[in-house]
C-alpha atoms as a PDB file:
ATOM      1  CA  MET A   1       0.000   0.000   0.000  1.00  0.00           C
ATOM      2  CA  GLY A   2       2.990   2.281   0.332  1.00  0.00           C
ATOM      3  CA  GLN A   3       2.927   3.040  -3.401  1.00  0.00           C
ATOM      4  CA  TRP A   4      -0.536   4.622  -3.105  1.00  0.00           C
ATOM      5  CA  GLY A   5       0.490   7.265  -0.614  1.00  0.00           C
ATOM      6  CA  GLU A   6      -1.467   8.521   2.367  1.00  0.00           C
ATOM      7  CA  ASP A   7      -4.529   9.563   0.346  1.00  0.00           C
ATOM      8  CA  GLY A   8      -4.645   6.188  -1.407  1.00  0.00           C
ATOM      9  CA  ALA A   9      -4.351   4.359   1.896  1.00  0.00           C
ATOM     10  CA  ARG A  10      -7.196   6.468   3.282  1.00  0.00           C
ATOM     11  CA  ALA A  11      -9.368   5.581   0.267  1.00  0.00           C
ATOM     12  CA  PHE A  12      -8.434   1.903   0.617  1.00  0.00           C
ATOM     13  CA  ALA A  13      -9.411   1.838   4.299  1.00  0.00           C
ATOM     14  CA  PHE A  14     -12.655   3.705   3.582  1.00  0.00           C
ATOM     15  CA  ILE A  15     -13.737   1.302   0.837  1.00  0.00           C
ATOM     16  CA  THR A  16     -12.869  -1.722   2.973  1.00  0.00           C
ATOM     17  CA  LEU A  17     -14.833  -0.341   5.931  1.00  0.00           C
ATOM     18  CA  VAL A  18     -17.898   0.514   3.858  1.00  0.00           C
ATOM     19  CA  LEU A  19     -17.979  -2.892   2.158  1.00  0.00           C
ATOM     20  CA  GLY A  20     -17.415  -4.739   5.417  1.00  0.00           C
ATOM     21  CA  ASN A  21     -20.189  -2.790   7.129  1.00  0.00           C
ATOM     22  CA  LEU A  22     -22.626  -3.319   4.263  1.00  0.00           C
ATOM     23  CA  GLY A  23     -21.858  -7.025   4.375  1.00  0.00           C
ATOM     24  CA  LEU A  24     -22.449  -7.118   8.117  1.00  0.00           C
ATOM     25  CA  ILE A  25     -25.831  -5.482   7.587  1.00  0.00           C
ATOM     26  CA  PHE A  26     -26.769  -8.456   5.411  1.00  0.00           C
ATOM     27  CA  CYS A  27     -25.363 -10.879   7.993  1.00  0.00           C
ATOM     28  CA  ASN A  28     -27.234  -9.352  10.902  1.00  0.00           C
ATOM     29  CA  ARG A  29     -30.612  -8.826   9.340  1.00  0.00           C
ATOM     30  CA  SER A  30     -31.709 -12.288  10.399  1.00  0.00           C
ATOM     31  CA  HIS A  31     -30.537 -15.502  11.985  1.00  0.00           C
ATOM     32  CA  LEU A  32     -30.323 -17.027   8.505  1.00  0.00           C
ATOM     33  CA  PRO A  33     -27.030 -17.778   6.754  1.00  0.00           C
ATOM     34  CA  LEU A  34     -25.681 -14.993   4.528  1.00  0.00           C
ATOM     35  CA  TRP A  35     -26.685 -16.594   1.236  1.00  0.00           C
ATOM     36  CA  ARG A  36     -30.321 -16.924   2.362  1.00  0.00           C
ATOM     37  CA  SER A  37     -30.303 -13.397   3.740  1.00  0.00           C
ATOM     38  CA  VAL A  38     -29.101 -12.049   0.381  1.00  0.00           C
ATOM     39  CA  VAL A  39     -31.834 -13.799  -1.627  1.00  0.00           C
ATOM     40  CA  THR A  40     -34.639 -12.777   0.781  1.00  0.00           C
ATOM     41  CA  PRO A  41     -36.455  -9.848  -0.867  1.00  0.00           C
ATOM     42  CA  ASN A  42     -35.849  -6.478   0.735  1.00  0.00           C
ATOM     43  CA  ARG A  43     -35.959  -3.684  -1.822  1.00  0.00           C
ATOM     44  CA  THR A  44     -35.131  -0.928   0.645  1.00  0.00           C
ATOM     45  CA  LEU A  45     -31.963  -2.709   1.762  1.00  0.00           C
ATOM     46  CA  TRP A  46     -30.786  -3.087  -1.825  1.00  0.00           C
ATOM     47  CA  VAL A  47     -31.504   0.569  -2.587  1.00  0.00           C
ATOM     48  CA  VAL A  48     -29.622   1.744   0.504  1.00  0.00           C
ATOM     49  CA  CYS A  49     -26.658  -0.521  -0.280  1.00  0.00           C
ATOM     50  CA  SER A  50     -26.583   0.562  -3.916  1.00  0.00           C
ATOM     51  CA  VAL A  51     -26.611   4.244  -2.977  1.00  0.00           C
ATOM     52  CA  ALA A  52     -23.882   3.656  -0.382  1.00  0.00           C
ATOM     53  CA  LEU A  53     -21.700   1.896  -2.960  1.00  0.00           C
ATOM     54  CA  LEU A  54     -22.260   4.597  -5.577  1.00  0.00           C
ATOM     55  CA  LEU A  55     -21.423   7.366  -3.118  1.00  0.00           C
ATOM     56  CA  THR A  56     -18.336   5.495  -1.941  1.00  0.00           C
ATOM     57  CA  LEU A  57     -17.068   5.063  -5.493  1.00  0.00           C
ATOM     58  CA  ALA A  58     -17.902   8.691  -6.265  1.00  0.00           C
ATOM     59  CA  ALA A  59     -15.907   9.854  -3.227  1.00  0.00           C
ATOM     60  CA  VAL A  60     -12.882   7.871  -4.382  1.00  0.00           C
ATOM     61  CA  TYR A  61     -13.031   8.448  -8.137  1.00  0.00           C
ATOM     62  CA  LEU A  62     -14.618  11.881  -8.736  1.00  0.00           C
ATOM     63  CA  PRO A  63     -11.911  14.546  -8.528  1.00  0.00           C
ATOM     64  CA  TRP A  64     -13.899  17.178  -6.621  1.00  0.00           C
ATOM     65  CA  LEU A  65     -14.972  14.632  -3.993  1.00  0.00           C
ATOM     66  CA  GLN A  66     -11.439  13.242  -3.805  1.00  0.00           C
ATOM     67  CA  GLY A  67     -10.255  16.668  -2.705  1.00  0.00           C
ATOM     68  CA  LEU A  68     -13.044  16.985  -0.160  1.00  0.00           C
ATOM     69  CA  PHE A  69     -12.248  13.630   1.464  1.00  0.00           C
ATOM     70  CA  ALA A  70      -8.486  13.675   0.763  1.00  0.00           C
ATOM     71  CA  PHE A  71      -8.697  10.417  -1.198  1.00  0.00           C
ATOM     72  CA  ALA A  72      -6.625   9.270  -4.139  1.00  0.00           C
ATOM     73  CA  PRO A  73      -8.054   6.964  -6.787  1.00  0.00           C
ATOM     74  CA  LEU A  74      -7.105   3.334  -6.312  1.00  0.00           C
ATOM     75  CA  PRO A  75      -5.815   1.203  -9.165  1.00  0.00           C
ATOM     76  CA  GLY A  76      -7.756  -1.938 -10.061  1.00  0.00           C
ATOM     77  CA  ASN A  77      -5.645  -4.203  -7.880  1.00  0.00           C
ATOM     78  CA  GLY A  78      -6.141  -1.890  -4.877  1.00  0.00           C
ATOM     79  CA  LEU A  79      -9.891  -1.854  -5.381  1.00  0.00           C
ATOM     80  CA  ALA A  80      -9.928  -5.645  -5.737  1.00  0.00           C
ATOM     81  CA  LEU A  81      -7.916  -6.011  -2.525  1.00  0.00           C
ATOM     82  CA  ALA A  82     -10.298  -3.683  -0.655  1.00  0.00           C
ATOM     83  CA  VAL A  83     -13.308  -5.675  -1.901  1.00  0.00           C
ATOM     84  CA  GLY A  84     -11.603  -8.930  -0.918  1.00  0.00           C
ATOM     85  CA  LEU A  85     -10.830  -7.718   2.588  1.00  0.00           C
ATOM     86  CA  GLY A  86     -14.365  -6.378   3.010  1.00  0.00           C
ATOM     87  CA  LEU A  87     -15.719  -9.790   2.031  1.00  0.00           C
ATOM     88  CA  LEU A  88     -13.250 -11.498   4.352  1.00  0.00           C
ATOM     89  CA  CYS A  89     -14.705  -9.482   7.239  1.00  0.00           C
ATOM     90  CA  VAL A  90     -18.133 -10.812   6.367  1.00  0.00           C
ATOM     91  CA  LEU A  91     -16.949 -14.402   5.951  1.00  0.00           C
ATOM     92  CA  TRP A  92     -15.292 -14.613   9.364  1.00  0.00           C
ATOM     93  CA  PHE A  93     -18.455 -13.217  10.929  1.00  0.00           C
ATOM     94  CA  GLU A  94     -20.535 -15.832   9.109  1.00  0.00           C
ATOM     95  CA  ALA A  95     -18.134 -18.552  10.292  1.00  0.00           C
ATOM     96  CA  LEU A  96     -18.549 -17.310  13.854  1.00  0.00           C
ATOM     97  CA  LYS A  97     -22.353 -17.395  13.522  1.00  0.00           C
ATOM     98  CA  ALA A  98     -22.236 -20.941  12.144  1.00  0.00           C
ATOM     99  CA  TRP A  99     -19.954 -22.065  14.975  1.00  0.00           C
ATOM    100  CA  GLN A 100     -22.276 -20.509  17.575  1.00  0.00           C
ATOM    101  CA  ARG A 101     -25.319 -22.163  16.024  1.00  0.00           C
ATOM    102  CA  ARG A 102     -23.591 -25.531  16.088  1.00  0.00           C
ATOM    103  CA  THR A 103     -22.422 -25.022  19.675  1.00  0.00           C
ATOM    104  CA  LEU A 104     -25.877 -23.994  20.890  1.00  0.00           C
ATOM    105  CA  ALA A 105     -27.530 -26.901  19.088  1.00  0.00           C
ATOM    106  CA  ALA A 106     -25.241 -29.428  20.773  1.00  0.00           C
END
């Protein structure tokens, strides 16, 4: 991440946090596993998540918002890494939920 500079690192952390938090919203909306939670209809949730993603990408990639938030645009591999880490946050939380369900059922 050193090659992106401070503004790039700030953008990377912001994207990772937003994606992780959006994923946790899906995880926590019910006791169901993530995949069932995602396919359960909830139009408002999808609209809110879509707007959050669009605003996040706008803050990182639109020049006038970059200046406002002190972000630098991330290259494709940086964006992919941020998405991967955001998903990893969700997956460990799902693993924890599955472990707790199994422990409580025993």
